[in-house]
Amino acid sequence: PPRVTAEVFALLAPYFTEESLNEGKTFLSKQKNDPDLFDTRILMVDDGTLFGGLRSRGFDDRGVTPVPLTLLREGQVDRSFLSVESARQQDTRATGHATRGEWVPSNLQIRGGTRSLNALMSEMDERVFYVDHFVDLQGGLDIETGALDVLCSGHIMHKGKREGTACNVRLRGSLVDALKQLVSLSSDTDRYGHIDAPGMVLDGFSVVG
């Protein structure tokens, strides 16, 4: 559902920095060797100027006005957060994301699809694990490799109907592979904090427990 998608991308967003990408600290740097990082339908925009956004602001701690950035375009890393120092070296402007000595993404918007999540689920012949919530996503994601092993709870769905629940099971797999083989994006999006996110149907995970 949208809130789970929002939690995933909220965890990834702070790593869209020039330093992190260049130094290979996370799986987002894999694009250097694999240009097709994620599915081409995935697009994420950071916009600190969004009217009514939770993290909209006139300037950051360095006095820089936020620059709207497309962080992910067609599944590839497109832009990154730039410090004042890096911007000067590149003869461009900083992006306005420095807050209390840290990189803080502003309002994130993830593009949705054309059909509702209910419609997508009702057409799937396979049984689907519908994730309701993660217990500790940050502790269960290896940000360097993208390997995921996280405790979660959810529902077993078939043809859009609930067949049962599963509490405190482990979701295991590669987040990189799952986002690369995205099945579909839902048209229904919701705002959770500073993130507008759609529902996502992903393949490649196993549910253990």
Protein backbone atom coordinates (compact mmCIF):
# COMPACT_ATOMS: atom_id res chain seq x y z
CA PRO A 1 0.00 0.00 0.00
CA PRO A 2 1.09 3.67 -0.36
CA ARG A 3 2.30 4.01 3.25
CA VAL A 4 4.67 1.05 2.81
CA THR A 5 5.98 2.46 -0.48
CA ALA A 6 6.46 5.79 1.28
CA GLU A 7 8.48 4.17 4.07
CA VAL A 8 10.80 2.46 1.59
CA PHE A 9 11.57 5.60 -0.42
CA ALA A 10 11.84 7.75 2.71
CA LEU A 11 14.67 5.45 3.79
CA LEU A 12 16.42 5.67 0.42
CA ALA A 13 16.07 9.40 -0.24
CA PRO A 14 18.84 10.71 2.10
CA TYR A 15 21.39 8.65 0.14
CA PHE A 16 20.86 10.65 -3.06
CA THR A 17 23.90 12.78 -2.31
CA GLU A 18 26.82 13.35 -4.64
CA GLU A 19 29.26 12.00 -2.06
CA SER A 20 27.30 8.84 -1.35
CA LEU A 21 26.81 8.06 -5.04
CA ASN A 22 30.43 8.73 -5.99
CA GLU A 23 31.88 6.78 -3.09
CA GLY A 24 29.70 3.72 -3.71
CA LYS A 25 28.30 3.62 -0.20
CA THR A 26 24.90 2.25 -1.26
CA PHE A 27 23.32 0.07 -3.91
CA LEU A 28 22.18 3.26 -5.65
CA SER A 29 25.75 3.53 -6.95
CA LYS A 30 25.29 0.27 -8.89
CA GLN A 31 24.03 2.34 -11.79
CA LYS A 32 27.65 2.96 -12.76
CA ASN A 33 27.87 -0.72 -13.75
CA ASP A 34 24.19 -1.34 -14.47
CA PRO A 35 22.37 1.61 -16.08
CA ASP A 36 19.00 -0.10 -15.61
CA LEU A 37 18.90 0.25 -11.83
CA PHE A 38 15.11 0.04 -11.37
CA ASP A 39 12.04 -0.39 -13.57
CA THR A 40 11.66 2.48 -16.05
CA ARG A 41 8.23 3.41 -14.65
CA ILE A 42 9.73 4.57 -11.35
CA LEU A 43 10.07 8.34 -11.06
CA MET A 44 10.73 10.27 -7.85
CA VAL A 45 10.86 14.05 -7.49
CA ASP A 46 12.09 16.09 -4.53
CA ASP A 47 10.41 19.50 -4.37
CA GLY A 48 11.05 21.81 -1.43
CA THR A 49 8.95 24.53 -3.06
CA LEU A 50 5.72 22.49 -3.13
CA PHE A 51 2.80 24.59 -1.88
CA GLY A 52 1.46 23.11 1.38
CA GLY A 53 4.22 20.51 1.58
CA LEU A 54 5.31 19.41 5.05
CA ARG A 55 8.96 20.18 4.25
CA SER A 56 8.52 23.18 1.99
CA ARG A 57 10.85 26.00 2.96
CA GLY A 58 12.29 29.23 1.66
CA PHE A 59 15.93 28.24 2.26
CA ASP A 60 18.10 25.72 4.06
CA ASP A 61 20.68 26.26 6.81
CA ARG A 62 23.16 27.63 4.27
CA GLY A 63 20.62 30.14 2.99
CA VAL A 64 20.09 28.26 -0.29
CA THR A 65 16.64 28.20 -1.91
CA PRO A 66 15.51 24.60 -2.60
CA VAL A 67 15.89 23.36 -6.17
CA PRO A 68 13.23 20.86 -7.37
CA LEU A 69 15.10 17.69 -8.37
CA THR A 70 14.16 14.55 -10.26
CA LEU A 71 16.08 12.01 -8.20
CA LEU A 72 14.88 8.97 -10.15
CA ARG A 73 13.90 9.22 -13.83
CA GLU A 74 12.89 6.12 -15.78
CA GLY A 75 14.36 3.97 -13.03
CA GLN A 76 17.77 5.62 -13.10
CA VAL A 77 19.47 8.02 -10.70
CA ASP A 78 19.09 11.39 -12.42
CA ARG A 79 20.10 14.08 -9.91
CA SER A 80 21.61 14.28 -6.45
CA PHE A 81 21.80 16.72 -3.54
CA LEU A 82 24.67 19.19 -3.94
CA SER A 83 26.46 21.09 -1.20
CA VAL A 84 27.56 24.70 -1.62
CA GLU A 85 31.18 23.60 -1.95
CA SER A 86 30.45 20.95 -4.61
CA ALA A 87 28.21 23.35 -6.50
CA ARG A 88 30.98 25.95 -6.66
CA GLN A 89 33.39 23.40 -8.08
CA GLN A 90 30.88 22.51 -10.78
CA ASP A 91 29.94 26.12 -11.48
CA THR A 92 26.30 25.47 -10.61
CA ARG A 93 24.08 26.07 -7.58
CA ALA A 94 23.54 24.06 -4.43
CA THR A 95 20.23 22.24 -4.09
CA GLY A 96 19.15 23.55 -0.67
CA HIS A 97 19.02 20.35 1.39
CA ALA A 98 21.48 21.09 4.22
CA THR A 99 19.79 21.01 7.62
CA ARG A 100 21.62 20.79 10.95
CA GLY A 101 24.70 19.37 9.27
CA GLU A 102 22.78 16.59 7.51
CA TRP A 103 21.20 15.97 4.13
CA VAL A 104 17.43 16.22 4.55
CA PRO A 105 15.16 15.48 1.57
CA SER A 106 12.18 17.79 1.21
CA ASN A 107 8.79 16.79 -0.24
CA LEU A 108 9.02 13.55 -2.21
CA GLN A 109 6.59 12.66 -4.98
CA ILE A 110 6.59 9.19 -6.54
CA ARG A 111 4.69 8.77 -9.77
CA GLY A 112 1.71 6.41 -9.74
CA GLY A 113 0.13 4.24 -12.40
CA THR A 114 -3.23 4.22 -14.16
CA ARG A 115 -5.26 1.65 -12.22
CA SER A 116 -6.29 1.32 -8.59
CA LEU A 117 -4.55 -1.09 -6.25
CA ASN A 118 -7.83 -2.97 -5.68
CA ALA A 119 -8.25 -3.49 -9.42
CA LEU A 120 -4.67 -4.70 -9.79
CA MET A 121 -5.01 -7.14 -6.89
CA SER A 122 -8.34 -8.54 -8.10
CA GLU A 123 -6.82 -9.52 -11.46
CA MET A 124 -3.86 -11.44 -10.07
CA ASP A 125 -4.22 -15.22 -10.23
CA GLU A 126 -1.39 -15.79 -7.75
CA ARG A 127 -1.74 -15.43 -4.02
CA VAL A 128 -0.24 -12.16 -2.90
CA PHE A 129 1.28 -11.07 0.40
CA TYR A 130 -0.11 -7.61 1.13
CA VAL A 131 2.35 -5.91 3.47
CA ASP A 132 0.54 -3.96 6.17
CA HIS A 133 3.61 -2.65 7.99
CA PHE A 134 7.29 -3.24 8.68
CA VAL A 135 8.57 -3.68 12.21
CA ASP A 136 12.04 -2.22 11.55
CA LEU A 137 12.73 -1.51 7.88
CA GLN A 138 15.93 0.42 8.51
CA GLY A 139 17.40 -2.43 10.53
CA GLY A 140 16.32 -5.01 7.95
CA LEU A 141 17.71 -3.36 4.81
CA ASP A 142 21.38 -3.64 3.87
CA ILE A 143 21.77 -0.24 2.21
CA GLU A 144 25.06 -1.28 0.60
CA THR A 145 23.71 -4.32 -1.27
CA GLY A 146 19.92 -3.86 -1.19
CA ALA A 147 19.38 -7.19 0.57
CA LEU A 148 16.18 -7.15 2.62
CA ASP A 149 15.37 -9.32 5.63
CA VAL A 150 12.73 -7.55 7.67
CA LEU A 151 10.03 -8.53 10.15
CA CYS A 152 6.57 -7.50 8.97
CA SER A 153 2.87 -8.29 9.10
CA GLY A 154 0.22 -8.39 6.41
CA HIS A 155 -2.57 -10.28 4.65
CA ILE A 156 -2.72 -13.19 2.24
CA MET A 157 -4.79 -12.04 -0.74
CA HIS A 158 -6.24 -13.95 -3.69
CA LYS A 159 -8.22 -12.31 -6.48
CA GLY A 160 -8.57 -9.23 -4.30
CA LYS A 161 -10.08 -11.13 -1.36
CA ARG A 162 -8.41 -11.67 2.00
CA GLU A 163 -7.73 -15.33 2.83
CA GLY A 164 -5.83 -14.83 6.07
CA THR A 165 -3.32 -12.80 8.01
CA ALA A 166 0.36 -13.28 8.74
CA CYS A 167 1.90 -11.57 11.76
CA ASN A 168 5.61 -11.18 12.47
CA VAL A 169 6.87 -13.04 9.42
CA ARG A 170 10.08 -12.24 7.57
CA LEU A 171 10.12 -10.67 4.13
CA ARG A 172 13.34 -11.64 2.37
CA GLY A 173 14.88 -10.85 -0.99
CA SER A 174 16.62 -8.08 -2.89
CA LEU A 175 14.98 -4.65 -2.96
CA VAL A 176 17.07 -3.86 -6.05
CA ASP A 177 15.75 -6.89 -7.94
CA ALA A 178 12.18 -6.27 -6.77
CA LEU A 179 12.18 -2.65 -7.95
CA LYS A 180 13.78 -3.75 -11.21
CA GLN A 181 10.98 -6.25 -11.90
CA LEU A 182 8.11 -4.03 -10.77
CA VAL A 183 4.77 -5.63 -11.68
CA SER A 184 2.61 -2.50 -11.48
CA LEU A 185 2.03 0.90 -9.88
CA SER A 186 -1.36 1.91 -8.53
CA SER A 187 -3.16 5.10 -9.47
CA ASP A 188 -4.26 5.74 -5.88
CA THR A 189 -1.62 7.74 -4.01
CA ASP A 190 -1.60 8.98 -0.44
CA ARG A 191 0.54 11.50 1.43
CA TYR A 192 2.41 10.23 4.46
CA GLY A 193 4.36 13.01 6.09
CA HIS A 194 6.54 14.54 3.38
CA ILE A 195 5.95 11.78 0.80
CA ASP A 196 3.25 11.27 -1.84
CA ALA A 197 3.42 7.61 -2.84
CA PRO A 198 1.41 5.04 -4.82
CA GLY A 199 0.86 1.39 -4.04
CA MET A 200 3.33 -1.01 -5.67
CA VAL A 201 3.05 -4.63 -6.72
CA LEU A 202 6.51 -6.21 -6.57
CA ASP A 203 7.90 -9.65 -7.34
CA GLY A 204 10.99 -11.43 -6.07
CA PHE A 205 10.45 -11.65 -2.31
CA SER A 206 9.86 -14.69 -0.14
CA VAL A 207 7.77 -14.73 3.03
CA VAL A 208 9.18 -16.92 5.80
CA GLY A 209 7.57 -17.75 9.11
